[in-house]
Amino acid sequence: METGPTAMDRFMATLSEVFELPLYLATLAVQATTAGAARWLLAVVTWTLVGLIILHNPVVPVPLGSRTAWVSVETATVVLFWLLARRTRVRW
């Protein structure tokens, strides 16, 4: 003798229907946020590299004033390139 769904089965089915859409929307929101963060990071890295290109150009030198300032810029440039090489798995 076969019986129909129990009250608990009906409750669980209703519960899954109620939470299915919010869970789907939350998943989409997380994916969109992750994609947005990746685009933002790419934009920051791109503009940082553009700034470094302008700063290090040999045609129009940029005076920073002191040797200490240039050492700081050079150190930051090396660290940035090292981090980018590790991130993109480029082997030198």
C-alpha atoms as a PDB file:
ATOM      1  CA  MET A   1       0.000   0.000   0.000  1.00  0.00           C
ATOM      2  CA  GLU A   2       1.490   3.253  -1.151  1.00  0.00           C
ATOM      3  CA  THR A   3       0.946   6.421   0.818  1.00  0.00           C
ATOM      4  CA  GLY A   4       1.281  10.041  -0.288  1.00  0.00           C
ATOM      5  CA  PRO A   5       3.875  12.488   0.880  1.00  0.00           C
ATOM      6  CA  THR A   6       4.018  13.116   4.575  1.00  0.00           C
ATOM      7  CA  ALA A   7       3.605  16.497   6.159  1.00  0.00           C
ATOM      8  CA  MET A   8       7.373  16.706   6.575  1.00  0.00           C
ATOM      9  CA  ASP A   9       7.915  15.961   2.863  1.00  0.00           C
ATOM     10  CA  ARG A  10       5.469  18.703   1.901  1.00  0.00           C
ATOM     11  CA  PHE A  11       7.132  21.112   4.338  1.00  0.00           C
ATOM     12  CA  MET A  12      10.604  20.376   2.959  1.00  0.00           C
ATOM     13  CA  ALA A  13       9.360  20.799  -0.632  1.00  0.00           C
ATOM     14  CA  THR A  14       7.798  24.148   0.244  1.00  0.00           C
ATOM     15  CA  LEU A  15      10.924  25.221   2.098  1.00  0.00           C
ATOM     16  CA  SER A  16      13.171  24.377  -0.828  1.00  0.00           C
ATOM     17  CA  GLU A  17      10.889  26.318  -3.196  1.00  0.00           C
ATOM     18  CA  VAL A  18      10.899  29.328  -0.873  1.00  0.00           C
ATOM     19  CA  PHE A  19      14.684  29.433  -0.524  1.00  0.00           C
ATOM     20  CA  GLU A  20      15.578  28.402  -4.076  1.00  0.00           C
ATOM     21  CA  LEU A  21      15.283  31.874  -5.625  1.00  0.00           C
ATOM     22  CA  PRO A  22      17.074  33.798  -2.823  1.00  0.00           C
ATOM     23  CA  LEU A  23      19.873  31.236  -2.838  1.00  0.00           C
ATOM     24  CA  TYR A  24      20.189  31.532  -6.624  1.00  0.00           C
ATOM     25  CA  LEU A  25      20.214  35.342  -6.384  1.00  0.00           C
ATOM     26  CA  ALA A  26      22.805  35.250  -3.604  1.00  0.00           C
ATOM     27  CA  THR A  27      24.994  32.994  -5.744  1.00  0.00           C
ATOM     28  CA  LEU A  28      24.681  35.416  -8.656  1.00  0.00           C
ATOM     29  CA  ALA A  29      25.528  38.345  -6.376  1.00  0.00           C
ATOM     30  CA  VAL A  30      28.677  36.626  -5.135  1.00  0.00           C
ATOM     31  CA  GLN A  31      29.752  35.804  -8.689  1.00  0.00           C
ATOM     32  CA  ALA A  32      29.088  39.376  -9.833  1.00  0.00           C
ATOM     33  CA  THR A  33      30.997  40.781  -6.876  1.00  0.00           C
ATOM     34  CA  THR A  34      33.935  38.493  -7.587  1.00  0.00           C
ATOM     35  CA  ALA A  35      33.934  39.466 -11.264  1.00  0.00           C
ATOM     36  CA  GLY A  36      33.633  43.140 -10.319  1.00  0.00           C
ATOM     37  CA  ALA A  37      36.539  42.843  -7.909  1.00  0.00           C
ATOM     38  CA  ALA A  38      38.661  41.185 -10.579  1.00  0.00           C
ATOM     39  CA  ARG A  39      37.865  43.971 -13.068  1.00  0.00           C
ATOM     40  CA  TRP A  40      38.641  46.594 -10.439  1.00  0.00           C
ATOM     41  CA  LEU A  41      41.963  44.969  -9.585  1.00  0.00           C
ATOM     42  CA  LEU A  42      42.872  44.746 -13.267  1.00  0.00           C
ATOM     43  CA  ALA A  43      42.101  48.456 -13.679  1.00  0.00           C
ATOM     44  CA  VAL A  44      44.225  49.369 -10.647  1.00  0.00           C
ATOM     45  CA  VAL A  45      47.168  47.303 -11.880  1.00  0.00           C
ATOM     46  CA  THR A  46      46.837  48.751 -15.388  1.00  0.00           C
ATOM     47  CA  TRP A  47      46.836  52.359 -14.207  1.00  0.00           C
ATOM     48  CA  THR A  48      49.671  51.674 -11.764  1.00  0.00           C
ATOM     49  CA  LEU A  49      51.752  50.324 -14.640  1.00  0.00           C
ATOM     50  CA  VAL A  50      50.844  53.364 -16.772  1.00  0.00           C
ATOM     51  CA  GLY A  51      52.005  55.611 -13.929  1.00  0.00           C
ATOM     52  CA  LEU A  52      55.276  53.702 -13.646  1.00  0.00           C
ATOM     53  CA  ILE A  53      55.814  53.953 -17.402  1.00  0.00           C
ATOM     54  CA  ILE A  54      55.363  57.726 -17.239  1.00  0.00           C
ATOM     55  CA  LEU A  55      57.630  57.967 -14.199  1.00  0.00           C
ATOM     56  CA  HIS A  56      60.424  55.879 -15.748  1.00  0.00           C
ATOM     57  CA  ASN A  57      60.310  57.311 -19.271  1.00  0.00           C
ATOM     58  CA  PRO A  58      63.727  58.385 -20.632  1.00  0.00           C
ATOM     59  CA  VAL A  59      62.384  61.112 -22.947  1.00  0.00           C
ATOM     60  CA  VAL A  60      60.985  63.492 -20.319  1.00  0.00           C
ATOM     61  CA  PRO A  61      62.710  62.795 -16.991  1.00  0.00           C
ATOM     62  CA  VAL A  62      60.632  63.232 -13.840  1.00  0.00           C
ATOM     63  CA  PRO A  63      62.584  64.850 -11.014  1.00  0.00           C
ATOM     64  CA  LEU A  64      61.641  63.392  -7.647  1.00  0.00           C
ATOM     65  CA  GLY A  65      64.091  65.489  -5.699  1.00  0.00           C
ATOM     66  CA  SER A  66      66.168  63.059  -3.716  1.00  0.00           C
ATOM     67  CA  ARG A  67      67.892  59.753  -4.200  1.00  0.00           C
ATOM     68  CA  THR A  68      65.826  58.271  -1.373  1.00  0.00           C
ATOM     69  CA  ALA A  69      62.607  58.960  -3.259  1.00  0.00           C
ATOM     70  CA  TRP A  70      63.943  57.213  -6.370  1.00  0.00           C
ATOM     71  CA  VAL A  71      65.132  54.229  -4.334  1.00  0.00           C
ATOM     72  CA  SER A  72      61.633  53.935  -2.859  1.00  0.00           C
ATOM     73  CA  VAL A  73      60.032  54.099  -6.312  1.00  0.00           C
ATOM     74  CA  GLU A  74      62.476  51.543  -7.722  1.00  0.00           C
ATOM     75  CA  THR A  75      61.898  49.182  -4.784  1.00  0.00           C
ATOM     76  CA  ALA A  76      58.114  49.472  -5.155  1.00  0.00           C
ATOM     77  CA  THR A  77      58.457  48.804  -8.902  1.00  0.00           C
ATOM     78  CA  VAL A  78      60.511  45.666  -8.340  1.00  0.00           C
ATOM     79  CA  VAL A  79      58.050  44.403  -5.719  1.00  0.00           C
ATOM     80  CA  LEU A  80      55.093  45.086  -8.040  1.00  0.00           C
ATOM     81  CA  PHE A  81      56.741  43.252 -10.939  1.00  0.00           C
ATOM     82  CA  TRP A  82      57.640  40.361  -8.647  1.00  0.00           C
ATOM     83  CA  LEU A  83      54.037  40.097  -7.405  1.00  0.00           C
ATOM     84  CA  LEU A  84      52.671  40.273 -10.945  1.00  0.00           C
ATOM     85  CA  ALA A  85      55.115  37.602 -12.117  1.00  0.00           C
ATOM     86  CA  ARG A  86      54.056  35.314  -9.263  1.00  0.00           C
ATOM     87  CA  ARG A  87      50.378  35.983  -9.948  1.00  0.00           C
ATOM     88  CA  THR A  88      50.649  35.264 -13.662  1.00  0.00           C
ATOM     89  CA  ARG A  89      53.221  32.474 -13.181  1.00  0.00           C
ATOM     90  CA  VAL A  90      55.756  34.100 -15.492  1.00  0.00           C
ATOM     91  CA  ARG A  91      59.215  32.585 -15.108  1.00  0.00           C
ATOM     92  CA  TRP A  92      62.174  34.868 -15.812  1.00  0.00           C
END
